[in-house]
Amino acid sequence: MKGEIAVNIHLPSMDDAASNVDCSDETQDLSRDYAQDFVADADYIRTLPDLQNGPTSLIRGAQKFIQHVGISNFRLPIRFQTRDSDPLVLEASVTGSVSLDAEKKGINMSRIMRTFYRQAEETFSFDVMARTLDDYKADLESFDARLQMRLSFPMQVQSLRSGLSGFQYYNIALEVVERAGQRHKIVHLDYVYSSTCPCSLELSEHARRERGQLATPHSQRSVARISVVLAEGQPRLWFEDLVELCRKAVATETQVMVKREDEQAFAELNAANPIFVEDAARLFCEQLQSDPRIGDFRVIASHQESLHSHDAISVLTEGTTFAQTSMDPSTFANLFHVG
């Protein structure tokens, strides 16, 4: 019939009623009010179900060893020591994970956070991170573990000629990784610089010289992600030290405070240091190799071209720590620096 709506109605049967009688008996007297004054004592807590520590029969899917399971982007304020001034309290984003044996259902992830909070009042260092790793490995009865902290570290930098100063912020990550009984301490740093194309510079000069034609070489904001393993038994490698190594390698770091005289100076600095992405990787490598505090390392450079609609990239590794057959598809996609 026109305008008619069809509705399927299920009329409960005696079987339905029988199957639901126990459920209705259990739920009819449940309170809908939050029990604000209820105290969970030790006896009550012992009755709580804990599925993650259940038997092997609860495992879903393949009963396989898992390399990493844990938490990511757990944020809290952490006090960091600086090389030249007082400690800084900075927001840190923490990733903590452990290995999981094939016969275990899962882990209690809150233990990683609780373990971290037990150390959070200290001024952080790799030693504190190592103790934290030891604690949650013991708490979770795991063999391998990883702890990573990401932060934005401020350093005051001078302008090139005007005498002004401002704060440059560096994306830094610290890692303590234990695998098969071997422990590594790793620092990652994103260094942002300007790259002037040597070929474009020469072509521009050719146009000026041969034809009296004004031409401008192309340059672009570029990012190098520097990852270093700290060598054992060496003095501390400060964040500031690693930044200064990068500045020695590639002097054209992007600027914070700029007046006209600084802008002119930056143009001159770029002309004095034209650089292909291959040059960048090797220049960073040269400085990293010269520091005995650094063991294995990796340089990932991305020149985000103003001439091309694509980027120029290079990857250089030293040692086995960062050697890999496959590359993460997002390796270069996340190397964009957002000002």
Protein backbone atom coordinates (compact mmCIF):
# COMPACT_ATOMS: atom_id res chain seq x y z
CA MET A 1 0.00 0.00 0.00
CA LYS A 2 1.26 3.46 -0.85
CA GLY A 3 3.11 5.10 2.06
CA GLU A 4 3.21 1.86 4.01
CA ILE A 5 6.33 1.10 6.10
CA ALA A 6 7.35 -2.50 6.61
CA VAL A 7 8.42 -3.37 10.15
CA ASN A 8 9.85 -6.69 11.31
CA ILE A 9 8.69 -7.45 14.85
CA HIS A 10 10.21 -10.24 16.90
CA LEU A 11 7.80 -11.68 19.44
CA PRO A 12 9.73 -13.31 22.28
CA SER A 13 9.22 -17.01 22.68
CA MET A 14 9.23 -19.09 25.84
CA ASP A 15 12.83 -20.08 25.04
CA ASP A 16 13.83 -16.41 24.93
CA ALA A 17 12.20 -15.77 28.26
CA ALA A 18 13.89 -18.75 29.83
CA SER A 19 17.31 -17.69 28.56
CA ASN A 20 16.90 -14.15 29.88
CA VAL A 21 15.44 -14.88 33.29
CA ASP A 22 18.82 -15.11 35.01
CA CYS A 23 20.01 -11.89 33.38
CA SER A 24 16.90 -9.98 34.49
CA ASP A 25 17.28 -11.28 38.03
CA GLU A 26 20.90 -10.05 38.11
CA THR A 27 20.29 -6.59 36.64
CA GLN A 28 17.00 -5.49 38.14
CA ASP A 29 18.59 -4.14 41.33
CA LEU A 30 21.77 -2.58 39.82
CA SER A 31 22.50 0.95 40.98
CA ARG A 32 22.81 3.70 38.36
CA ASP A 33 24.57 6.08 40.76
CA TYR A 34 28.37 6.42 40.82
CA ALA A 35 29.67 5.00 44.12
CA GLN A 36 31.88 7.93 45.05
CA ASP A 37 32.58 6.66 48.57
CA PHE A 38 33.38 3.07 47.57
CA VAL A 39 36.89 1.98 48.55
CA ALA A 40 38.58 -0.82 46.60
CA ASP A 41 40.50 -2.63 49.32
CA ALA A 42 43.06 -5.37 48.78
CA ASP A 43 40.51 -8.17 49.10
CA TYR A 44 38.24 -6.57 46.48
CA ILE A 45 41.13 -5.90 44.09
CA ARG A 46 42.09 -9.58 44.23
CA THR A 47 38.67 -10.45 42.80
CA LEU A 48 39.05 -8.19 39.74
CA PRO A 49 39.48 -10.02 36.40
CA ASP A 50 42.87 -9.60 34.69
CA LEU A 51 42.52 -10.79 31.10
CA GLN A 52 46.00 -9.76 30.00
CA ASN A 53 47.54 -12.17 32.49
CA GLY A 54 45.17 -14.95 31.50
CA PRO A 55 46.10 -18.40 30.18
CA THR A 56 47.48 -19.15 26.73
CA SER A 57 44.01 -20.34 25.67
CA LEU A 58 42.87 -16.69 25.61
CA ILE A 59 45.37 -15.71 22.90
CA ARG A 60 43.68 -14.70 19.65
CA GLY A 61 45.43 -15.15 16.33
CA ALA A 62 48.86 -16.70 15.82
CA GLN A 63 50.70 -17.63 18.99
CA LYS A 64 53.83 -15.67 18.08
CA PHE A 65 56.51 -13.64 19.83
CA ILE A 66 55.80 -9.87 19.58
CA GLN A 67 58.84 -7.60 19.33
CA HIS A 68 57.19 -4.45 20.72
CA VAL A 69 54.03 -3.88 22.72
CA GLY A 70 53.44 -0.89 24.98
CA ILE A 71 52.33 2.74 24.99
CA SER A 72 52.98 5.75 22.77
CA ASN A 73 52.62 9.52 23.24
CA PHE A 74 52.38 9.38 27.01
CA ARG A 75 53.12 13.01 27.92
CA LEU A 76 54.50 14.56 31.08
CA PRO A 77 56.87 17.39 32.12
CA ILE A 78 60.49 16.31 32.50
CA ARG A 79 63.49 18.22 33.86
CA PHE A 80 66.49 18.16 31.48
CA GLN A 81 70.02 19.30 32.27
CA THR A 82 71.59 21.80 29.87
CA ARG A 83 75.27 22.20 29.09
CA ASP A 84 75.58 25.93 29.80
CA SER A 85 72.71 26.93 32.09
CA ASP A 86 70.11 25.75 34.60
CA PRO A 87 67.92 22.70 33.97
CA LEU A 88 64.82 23.13 31.81
CA VAL A 89 61.41 21.60 32.41
CA LEU A 90 60.08 20.50 29.00
CA GLU A 91 57.08 18.53 27.84
CA ALA A 92 58.18 15.08 26.76
CA SER A 93 56.27 12.50 24.75
CA VAL A 94 57.16 9.00 25.89
CA THR A 95 56.97 5.71 24.03
CA GLY A 96 57.68 2.60 26.07
CA SER A 97 57.51 -0.98 24.86
CA VAL A 98 58.64 -4.47 25.77
CA SER A 99 58.81 -7.80 23.98
CA LEU A 100 56.03 -10.32 24.58
CA ASP A 101 56.66 -14.06 24.66
CA ALA A 102 54.52 -16.22 22.41
CA GLU A 103 52.79 -17.96 25.32
CA LYS A 104 51.75 -14.72 27.06
CA LYS A 105 48.39 -13.09 26.36
CA GLY A 106 49.49 -9.49 26.93
CA ILE A 107 50.93 -6.91 29.34
CA ASN A 108 49.50 -4.48 31.86
CA MET A 109 50.40 -1.27 30.02
CA SER A 110 49.74 1.01 32.98
CA ARG A 111 52.82 -0.50 34.64
CA ILE A 112 55.02 1.29 32.09
CA MET A 113 53.48 4.64 33.07
CA ARG A 114 53.69 3.90 36.78
CA THR A 115 57.33 2.89 36.44
CA PHE A 116 58.08 6.09 34.57
CA TYR A 117 56.43 8.26 37.21
CA ARG A 118 58.65 6.72 39.87
CA GLN A 119 61.65 8.35 38.12
CA ALA A 120 59.93 11.46 36.74
CA GLU A 121 60.99 13.83 39.54
CA GLU A 122 64.68 13.36 38.76
CA THR A 123 66.66 15.48 36.31
CA PHE A 124 66.64 13.16 33.33
CA SER A 125 69.68 11.56 31.79
CA PHE A 126 70.39 8.34 29.98
CA ASP A 127 71.22 6.76 33.35
CA VAL A 128 67.74 7.60 34.65
CA MET A 129 66.21 6.25 31.43
CA ALA A 130 68.22 3.05 31.83
CA ARG A 131 66.94 2.60 35.40
CA THR A 132 63.39 3.17 34.19
CA LEU A 133 63.90 0.54 31.50
CA ASP A 134 65.25 -1.93 34.05
CA ASP A 135 62.26 -1.32 36.33
CA TYR A 136 59.57 -1.92 33.77
CA LYS A 137 61.39 -4.89 32.27
CA ALA A 138 61.31 -6.42 35.75
CA ASP A 139 57.69 -5.41 36.36
CA LEU A 140 56.54 -6.89 33.06
CA GLU A 141 58.92 -9.89 33.07
CA SER A 142 60.18 -9.12 29.55
CA PHE A 143 63.50 -9.74 27.84
CA ASP A 144 63.74 -6.89 25.32
CA ALA A 145 62.60 -3.32 25.92
CA ARG A 146 62.68 0.15 24.40
CA LEU A 147 62.13 3.61 25.85
CA GLN A 148 61.93 6.74 23.72
CA MET A 149 61.36 10.37 24.75
CA ARG A 150 60.60 13.13 22.25
CA LEU A 151 60.96 16.80 23.11
CA SER A 152 61.54 20.25 21.64
CA PHE A 153 64.78 21.68 23.00
CA PRO A 154 65.35 25.47 22.95
CA MET A 155 68.74 27.08 22.32
CA GLN A 156 69.38 30.81 22.13
CA VAL A 157 71.08 31.82 18.88
CA GLN A 158 72.54 35.12 17.70
CA SER A 159 71.55 36.81 14.46
CA LEU A 160 74.26 37.08 11.82
CA ARG A 161 74.91 40.86 11.96
CA SER A 162 72.26 42.82 13.87
CA GLY A 163 73.18 41.63 17.37
CA LEU A 164 69.66 40.30 18.04
CA SER A 165 69.04 36.86 19.52
CA GLY A 166 66.16 34.42 19.66
CA PHE A 167 65.33 30.84 20.52
CA GLN A 168 65.74 28.04 18.01
CA TYR A 169 63.78 24.88 18.88
CA TYR A 170 65.23 21.49 17.99
CA ASN A 171 63.18 18.31 17.70
CA ILE A 172 65.12 15.73 19.68
CA ALA A 173 64.39 12.13 20.63
CA LEU A 174 66.26 9.99 23.14
CA GLU A 175 66.18 6.21 23.02
CA VAL A 176 67.37 3.42 25.26
CA VAL A 177 67.02 0.10 23.45
CA GLU A 178 67.79 -3.34 24.83
CA ARG A 179 67.72 -6.30 22.46
CA ALA A 180 69.20 -9.75 22.96
CA GLY A 181 71.08 -8.48 25.99
CA GLN A 182 72.70 -5.57 24.14
CA ARG A 183 71.80 -2.02 25.24
CA HIS A 184 72.14 1.09 23.07
CA LYS A 185 71.70 4.77 23.88
CA ILE A 186 70.61 6.78 20.86
CA VAL A 187 69.99 10.48 20.17
CA HIS A 188 67.97 11.73 17.19
CA LEU A 189 68.12 15.39 16.12
CA ASP A 190 66.34 17.28 13.33
CA TYR A 191 68.59 20.04 11.98
CA VAL A 192 66.93 22.59 9.68
CA TYR A 193 69.02 24.52 7.17
CA SER A 194 68.91 26.32 3.84
CA SER A 195 70.39 24.60 0.79
CA THR A 196 71.38 26.65 -2.27
CA CYS A 197 71.73 24.54 -5.40
CA PRO A 198 75.34 24.76 -6.72
CA CYS A 199 74.18 24.14 -10.28
CA SER A 200 71.55 26.87 -10.09
CA LEU A 201 74.12 29.26 -8.60
CA GLU A 202 76.52 28.67 -11.50
CA LEU A 203 73.74 29.03 -14.09
CA SER A 204 72.64 32.31 -12.52
CA GLU A 205 76.18 33.65 -12.60
CA HIS A 206 76.50 32.53 -16.23
CA ALA A 207 73.39 34.53 -17.16
CA ARG A 208 74.78 37.64 -15.42
CA ARG A 209 78.23 37.29 -16.97
CA GLU A 210 77.34 36.26 -20.52
CA ARG A 211 74.06 38.09 -21.08
CA GLY A 212 73.82 40.77 -18.43
CA GLN A 213 70.69 38.99 -17.21
CA LEU A 214 69.66 39.15 -13.56
CA ALA A 215 69.03 35.63 -12.26
CA THR A 216 68.47 34.12 -8.83
CA PRO A 217 69.68 30.65 -7.79
CA HIS A 218 67.09 28.50 -6.10
CA SER A 219 67.42 27.51 -2.44
CA GLN A 220 65.05 25.77 -0.07
CA ARG A 221 64.41 24.83 3.51
CA SER A 222 66.03 21.46 4.16
CA VAL A 223 66.02 18.98 7.04
CA ALA A 224 68.62 16.48 8.18
CA ARG A 225 67.62 13.86 10.73
CA ILE A 226 70.79 12.90 12.56
CA SER A 227 70.73 9.69 14.61
CA VAL A 228 73.74 8.71 16.72
CA VAL A 229 74.58 5.85 19.04
CA LEU A 230 76.52 7.04 22.08
CA ALA A 231 79.87 5.29 22.46
CA GLU A 232 80.48 3.55 25.78
CA GLY A 233 83.04 4.97 28.20
CA GLN A 234 83.07 8.44 26.63
CA PRO A 235 82.16 11.85 28.13
CA ARG A 236 78.60 13.08 27.79
CA LEU A 237 77.41 14.26 24.39
CA TRP A 238 75.20 17.25 25.18
CA PHE A 239 72.32 18.26 22.94
CA GLU A 240 74.19 21.51 22.34
CA ASP A 241 77.29 19.58 21.22
CA LEU A 242 75.36 17.69 18.57
CA VAL A 243 73.76 20.89 17.26
CA GLU A 244 77.19 22.53 17.02
CA LEU A 245 78.55 19.55 15.07
CA CYS A 246 75.71 20.06 12.59
CA ARG A 247 76.47 23.77 12.31
CA LYS A 248 80.12 22.99 11.56
CA ALA A 249 79.02 20.61 8.82
CA VAL A 250 76.39 22.86 7.23
CA ALA A 251 76.60 26.51 8.28
CA THR A 252 73.36 27.71 6.69
CA GLU A 253 71.01 26.96 9.59
CA THR A 254 67.69 28.77 9.29
CA GLN A 255 67.53 32.01 11.27
CA VAL A 256 65.33 33.21 14.13
CA MET A 257 65.74 37.00 14.40
CA VAL A 258 66.34 38.74 11.08
CA LYS A 259 66.80 42.40 10.10
CA ARG A 260 67.87 43.61 6.64
CA GLU A 261 71.56 43.28 7.41
CA ASP A 262 70.95 39.71 8.62
CA GLU A 263 69.01 38.83 5.48
CA GLN A 264 71.84 40.13 3.31
CA ALA A 265 74.36 38.19 5.39
CA PHE A 266 72.28 35.01 5.00
CA ALA A 267 72.26 35.45 1.21
CA GLU A 268 76.05 35.78 1.31
CA LEU A 269 76.37 32.76 3.60
CA ASN A 270 74.29 30.63 1.22
CA ALA A 271 76.38 31.77 -1.77
CA ALA A 272 79.53 30.77 0.12
CA ASN A 273 78.09 27.34 0.97
CA PRO A 274 76.11 25.95 -2.00
CA ILE A 275 75.23 22.34 -1.34
CA PHE A 276 73.71 19.30 -3.03
CA VAL A 277 71.89 16.76 -0.87
CA GLU A 278 74.80 14.33 -1.45
CA ASP A 279 77.20 16.98 -0.12
CA ALA A 280 75.04 17.47 2.96
CA ALA A 281 75.10 13.78 3.89
CA ARG A 282 78.88 13.59 3.53
CA LEU A 283 79.54 16.83 5.40
CA PHE A 284 77.44 15.67 8.35
CA CYS A 285 79.21 12.30 8.18
CA GLU A 286 82.62 13.98 8.31
CA GLN A 287 81.77 15.80 11.55
CA LEU A 288 80.13 12.77 13.19
CA GLN A 289 83.10 10.55 12.38
CA SER A 290 85.43 13.05 14.05
CA ASP A 291 83.75 12.83 17.48
CA PRO A 292 84.85 9.85 19.63
CA ARG A 293 81.64 10.10 21.68
CA ILE A 294 79.66 8.92 18.64
CA GLY A 295 79.54 5.30 17.49
CA ASP A 296 77.18 4.16 14.74
CA PHE A 297 75.14 6.90 13.09
CA ARG A 298 72.68 7.68 10.32
CA VAL A 299 72.06 10.84 8.29
CA ILE A 300 68.76 11.30 6.45
CA ALA A 301 68.68 14.53 4.44
CA SER A 302 65.76 16.03 2.54
CA HIS A 303 66.07 19.14 0.37
CA GLN A 304 62.50 20.30 -0.21
CA GLU A 305 63.05 21.75 -3.65
CA SER A 306 61.76 25.14 -4.76
CA LEU A 307 62.64 24.32 -8.40
CA HIS A 308 61.18 20.82 -8.61
CA SER A 309 57.81 19.46 -7.53
CA HIS A 310 59.68 16.67 -5.74
CA ASP A 311 62.33 16.56 -3.01
CA ALA A 312 65.99 15.56 -3.21
CA ILE A 313 66.96 12.99 -0.56
CA SER A 314 69.97 11.07 0.71
CA VAL A 315 70.63 8.47 3.41
CA LEU A 316 74.08 7.64 4.80
CA THR A 317 74.72 5.11 7.57
CA GLU A 318 77.81 4.14 9.54
CA GLY A 319 77.87 0.78 11.35
CA THR A 320 75.20 -1.87 11.70
CA THR A 321 72.71 -0.20 14.06
CA PHE A 322 70.82 1.71 11.37
CA ALA A 323 71.47 -0.55 8.39
CA GLN A 324 68.20 -1.79 6.93
CA THR A 325 66.93 -3.56 3.84
CA SER A 326 63.47 -1.99 3.79
CA MET A 327 62.70 1.68 4.34
CA ASP A 328 59.62 2.95 6.19
CA PRO A 329 57.32 4.60 3.60
CA SER A 330 56.94 7.62 5.90
CA THR A 331 60.71 8.18 6.28
CA PHE A 332 60.79 11.30 4.15
CA ALA A 333 57.14 12.32 4.46
CA ASN A 334 57.63 13.35 8.10
CA LEU A 335 60.83 15.34 7.51
CA PHE A 336 58.90 18.55 6.88
CA HIS A 337 59.68 21.26 9.39
CA VAL A 338 56.61 23.26 10.41
CA GLY A 339 57.61 26.72 11.61
